[in-house]
C-alpha atoms as a PDB file:
ATOM      1  CA  MET A   1       0.057  -0.348  -0.101  1.00  0.00           C
ATOM      2  CA  THR A   2       1.524   3.144  -0.877  1.00  0.00           C
ATOM      3  CA  LYS A   3       1.342   6.840   1.021  1.00  0.00           C
ATOM      4  CA  GLY A   4      -1.321   8.589  -1.099  1.00  0.00           C
ATOM      5  CA  ASP A   5      -3.601   4.961  -0.931  1.00  0.00           C
ATOM      6  CA  GLU A   6      -2.675   5.317   2.796  1.00  0.00           C
ATOM      7  CA  ARG A   7      -4.953   8.927   2.403  1.00  0.00           C
ATOM      8  CA  GLU A   8      -7.391   7.436   0.285  1.00  0.00           C
ATOM      9  CA  LEU A   9      -8.623   5.677   3.648  1.00  0.00           C
ATOM     10  CA  SER A  10     -11.868   7.016   5.359  1.00  0.00           C
ATOM     11  CA  ARG A  11     -12.310   7.267   9.043  1.00  0.00           C
ATOM     12  CA  THR A  12     -15.134   4.505   8.884  1.00  0.00           C
ATOM     13  CA  SER A  13     -12.896   2.259   6.655  1.00  0.00           C
ATOM     14  CA  LEU A  14     -10.002   2.758   8.847  1.00  0.00           C
ATOM     15  CA  ARG A  15     -12.452   2.062  12.032  1.00  0.00           C
ATOM     16  CA  ILE A  16     -13.263  -1.401   9.719  1.00  0.00           C
ATOM     17  CA  TYR A  17      -9.788  -2.437   8.589  1.00  0.00           C
ATOM     18  CA  VAL A  18      -8.690  -2.120  12.672  1.00  0.00           C
ATOM     19  CA  LEU A  19     -11.670  -3.785  13.784  1.00  0.00           C
ATOM     20  CA  LEU A  20     -11.104  -6.847  11.125  1.00  0.00           C
ATOM     21  CA  LEU A  21      -7.246  -6.271  12.437  1.00  0.00           C
ATOM     22  CA  GLU A  22      -7.998  -6.541  15.944  1.00  0.00           C
ATOM     23  CA  SER A  23     -10.638  -9.088  15.717  1.00  0.00           C
ATOM     24  CA  GLY A  24      -8.409 -12.762  15.141  1.00  0.00           C
ATOM     25  CA  ARG A  25     -10.813 -13.806  12.713  1.00  0.00           C
ATOM     26  CA  PRO A  26     -12.958 -13.485   9.954  1.00  0.00           C
ATOM     27  CA  LEU A  27     -16.373 -11.254  10.418  1.00  0.00           C
ATOM     28  CA  GLY A  28     -19.402 -10.476   8.270  1.00  0.00           C
ATOM     29  CA  VAL A  29     -21.239  -7.573   6.927  1.00  0.00           C
ATOM     30  CA  ARG A  30     -23.820  -7.406   9.645  1.00  0.00           C
ATOM     31  CA  ASP A  31     -21.168  -8.119  12.387  1.00  0.00           C
ATOM     32  CA  ILE A  32     -19.041  -5.245  11.694  1.00  0.00           C
ATOM     33  CA  ALA A  33     -21.938  -2.991  11.649  1.00  0.00           C
ATOM     34  CA  ARG A  34     -23.385  -4.331  14.263  1.00  0.00           C
ATOM     35  CA  ALA A  35     -19.779  -3.805  16.312  1.00  0.00           C
ATOM     36  CA  LEU A  36     -19.546  -0.582  14.593  1.00  0.00           C
ATOM     37  CA  ASP A  37     -23.238   0.787  14.885  1.00  0.00           C
ATOM     38  CA  ILE A  38     -22.892   1.877  11.283  1.00  0.00           C
ATOM     39  CA  PRO A  39     -25.298   0.936   8.521  1.00  0.00           C
ATOM     40  CA  ALA A  40     -24.402  -2.783   6.526  1.00  0.00           C
ATOM     41  CA  SER A  41     -24.502  -0.942   3.420  1.00  0.00           C
ATOM     42  CA  THR A  42     -22.065   1.425   4.701  1.00  0.00           C
ATOM     43  CA  VAL A  43     -20.041  -1.669   5.604  1.00  0.00           C
ATOM     44  CA  HIS A  44     -20.556  -2.988   2.125  1.00  0.00           C
ATOM     45  CA  TYR A  45     -19.385   0.491   0.613  1.00  0.00           C
ATOM     46  CA  HIS A  46     -15.973   0.795   2.418  1.00  0.00           C
ATOM     47  CA  ILE A  47     -15.162  -2.931   2.754  1.00  0.00           C
ATOM     48  CA  ARG A  48     -15.171  -2.880  -1.295  1.00  0.00           C
ATOM     49  CA  LYS A  49     -13.009   0.080  -1.001  1.00  0.00           C
ATOM     50  CA  LEU A  50     -10.201  -1.697   1.462  1.00  0.00           C
ATOM     51  CA  GLU A  51     -10.640  -4.663  -1.194  1.00  0.00           C
ATOM     52  CA  GLU A  52      -9.854  -2.884  -3.887  1.00  0.00           C
ATOM     53  CA  LEU A  53      -6.793  -1.218  -1.789  1.00  0.00           C
ATOM     54  CA  GLY A  54      -5.589  -5.264  -1.580  1.00  0.00           C
ATOM     55  CA  VAL A  55      -6.131  -4.888   2.580  1.00  0.00           C
ATOM     56  CA  VAL A  56      -9.002  -6.739   3.548  1.00  0.00           C
ATOM     57  CA  ARG A  57      -9.960  -9.703   1.429  1.00  0.00           C
ATOM     58  CA  SER A  58     -12.927 -12.424   1.982  1.00  0.00           C
ATOM     59  CA  SER A  59     -12.669 -15.589   2.984  1.00  0.00           C
ATOM     60  CA  GLY A  60     -15.596 -18.357   3.554  1.00  0.00           C
ATOM     61  CA  LEU A  61     -16.461 -17.171   6.702  1.00  0.00           C
ATOM     62  CA  GLY A  62     -16.314 -13.418   6.501  1.00  0.00           C
ATOM     63  CA  TYR A  63     -13.361 -10.504   5.693  1.00  0.00           C
ATOM     64  CA  GLU A  64     -10.122 -10.581   7.125  1.00  0.00           C
ATOM     65  CA  VAL A  65      -7.413  -8.059   6.485  1.00  0.00           C
ATOM     66  CA  ALA A  66      -5.080  -9.448   3.831  1.00  0.00           C
ATOM     67  CA  ASN A  67      -1.859  -7.073   3.901  1.00  0.00           C
ATOM     68  CA  PRO A  68      -1.792  -5.155   7.313  1.00  0.00           C
ATOM     69  CA  LEU A  69      -1.648  -1.328   6.759  1.00  0.00           C
ATOM     70  CA  LYS A  70       1.603   1.025   7.691  1.00  0.00           C
ATOM     71  CA  LEU A  71      -0.066   3.827   9.522  1.00  0.00           C
ATOM     72  CA  GLU A  72       2.562   6.931  10.440  1.00  0.00           C
ATOM     73  CA  GLU A  73       0.679   7.292  14.129  1.00  0.00           C
ATOM     74  CA  TYR A  74       0.518   3.045  14.950  1.00  0.00           C
ATOM     75  CA  ILE A  75       2.449   0.380  14.672  1.00  0.00           C
ATOM     76  CA  ILE A  76       1.135  -3.070  15.030  1.00  0.00           C
ATOM     77  CA  LEU A  77       1.788  -5.409  17.972  1.00  0.00           C
ATOM     78  CA  GLY A  78       0.077  -8.506  18.212  1.00  0.00           C
ATOM     79  CA  ARG A  79      -3.250  -8.049  16.682  1.00  0.00           C
ATOM     80  CA  ARG A  80      -3.364  -4.503  18.273  1.00  0.00           C
ATOM     81  CA  LEU A  81      -2.893  -1.408  17.198  1.00  0.00           C
ATOM     82  CA  VAL A  82      -1.066   1.045  18.972  1.00  0.00           C
ATOM     83  CA  PRO A  83      -0.403   4.283  19.038  1.00  0.00           C
ATOM     84  CA  ARG A  84       3.631   5.627  18.622  1.00  0.00           C
ATOM     85  CA  LEU A  85       3.313   7.951  21.473  1.00  0.00           C
ATOM     86  CA  LEU A  86       2.020   5.141  23.937  1.00  0.00           C
ATOM     87  CA  ILE A  87       5.299   3.146  23.169  1.00  0.00           C
ATOM     88  CA  TYR A  88       7.377   6.509  23.777  1.00  0.00           C
ATOM     89  CA  SER A  89       5.769   7.247  26.924  1.00  0.00           C
ATOM     90  CA  LEU A  90       6.743   4.110  28.403  1.00  0.00           C
ATOM     91  CA  PHE A  91      10.379   5.217  27.705  1.00  0.00           C
ATOM     92  CA  PHE A  92      10.139   8.140  29.957  1.00  0.00           C
ATOM     93  CA  LEU A  93       8.292   6.055  32.063  1.00  0.00           C
ATOM     94  CA  GLY A  94      11.379   3.759  32.054  1.00  0.00           C
ATOM     95  CA  VAL A  95      13.777   7.038  32.697  1.00  0.00           C
ATOM     96  CA  ALA A  96      11.473   8.227  35.554  1.00  0.00           C
ATOM     97  CA  ILE A  97      11.513   4.595  37.148  1.00  0.00           C
ATOM     98  CA  GLY A  98      15.924   4.761  36.581  1.00  0.00           C
ATOM     99  CA  GLU A  99      16.034   8.261  38.183  1.00  0.00           C
ATOM    100  CA  ALA A 100      14.089   6.970  41.156  1.00  0.00           C
ATOM    101  CA  ALA A 101      16.149   3.978  41.778  1.00  0.00           C
ATOM    102  CA  LEU A 102      19.346   6.290  41.704  1.00  0.00           C
ATOM    103  CA  VAL A 103      17.528   8.175  44.397  1.00  0.00           C
ATOM    104  CA  ALA A 104      16.907   5.796  46.752  1.00  0.00           C
ATOM    105  CA  ALA A 105      20.470   3.884  46.061  1.00  0.00           C
ATOM    106  CA  ARG A 106      21.914   7.095  47.005  1.00  0.00           C
ATOM    107  CA  GLY A 107      19.881   7.883  49.376  1.00  0.00           C
ATOM    108  CA  TYR A 108      19.167  11.754  49.210  1.00  0.00           C
ATOM    109  CA  ILE A 109      17.705  13.590  46.599  1.00  0.00           C
ATOM    110  CA  SER A 110      19.983  16.396  44.374  1.00  0.00           C
ATOM    111  CA  TYR A 111      18.138  19.170  42.112  1.00  0.00           C
ATOM    112  CA  ASP A 112      19.361  16.833  39.201  1.00  0.00           C
ATOM    113  CA  ALA A 113      17.686  13.973  39.975  1.00  0.00           C
ATOM    114  CA  VAL A 114      14.317  16.593  40.665  1.00  0.00           C
ATOM    115  CA  VAL A 115      14.476  18.053  37.221  1.00  0.00           C
ATOM    116  CA  ALA A 116      14.835  14.985  35.906  1.00  0.00           C
ATOM    117  CA  LEU A 117      12.288  12.989  37.576  1.00  0.00           C
ATOM    118  CA  VAL A 118       9.461  15.977  37.083  1.00  0.00           C
ATOM    119  CA  THR A 119      10.989  16.348  33.022  1.00  0.00           C
ATOM    120  CA  SER A 120       9.856  12.427  32.499  1.00  0.00           C
ATOM    121  CA  LEU A 121       7.087  12.273  34.449  1.00  0.00           C
ATOM    122  CA  VAL A 122       5.586  14.860  32.266  1.00  0.00           C
ATOM    123  CA  ALA A 123       6.727  13.456  29.452  1.00  0.00           C
ATOM    124  CA  PHE A 124       5.177  10.442  30.187  1.00  0.00           C
ATOM    125  CA  THR A 125       1.990  11.652  31.443  1.00  0.00           C
ATOM    126  CA  LEU A 126       1.374  14.048  28.066  1.00  0.00           C
ATOM    127  CA  LEU A 127       2.870  11.046  26.097  1.00  0.00           C
ATOM    128  CA  ILE A 128       0.342   8.841  27.384  1.00  0.00           C
ATOM    129  CA  TYR A 129      -2.312  11.018  27.449  1.00  0.00           C
ATOM    130  CA  GLU A 130      -1.489  12.206  23.274  1.00  0.00           C
ATOM    131  CA  GLY A 131      -1.856   8.285  22.736  1.00  0.00           C
ATOM    132  CA  TYR A 132      -4.769   7.089  24.405  1.00  0.00           C
ATOM    133  CA  LYS A 133      -6.781  10.085  22.241  1.00  0.00           C
ATOM    134  CA  LEU A 134      -5.286   8.656  19.118  1.00  0.00           C
ATOM    135  CA  ARG A 135      -6.284   5.496  20.191  1.00  0.00           C
ATOM    136  CA  ARG A 136      -9.685   6.940  20.845  1.00  0.00           C
ATOM    137  CA  LYS A 137     -10.279   8.518  17.515  1.00  0.00           C
ATOM    138  CA  LEU A 138      -9.883   5.326  15.781  1.00  0.00           C
ATOM    139  CA  TRP A 139     -13.481   4.878  17.053  1.00  0.00           C
ATOM    140  CA  HIS A 140     -15.029   7.878  17.268  1.00  0.00           C
END
């Protein structure tokens, strides 16, 4: 799938793709419509578009992901589409935990340690919040 194809995906097509990716099994049009609370005719339209792009294929039991998309803001972990920002937030959480361990080992807290802890915790909080918003955006 090329970058241009990625831009062609509508929000509804992306929601259908994510549902199929994360379901782990083929889903029929009615199952998709029920899960996303959209009309079956809308699902048909977007499934056809996804099939034309080579992202989704029909199997005997329904539709499934044929070729995972490479979305700039997300990575696929197992069968989950995870915002990259959530992964980055874990880095800053690790920095905060490491700095806290150093403070505990030294037995006192320095000004530098406070700055490192506060900075890494703020970065962690902002990135996890923004990552959570990106994830929710897929469903709303």
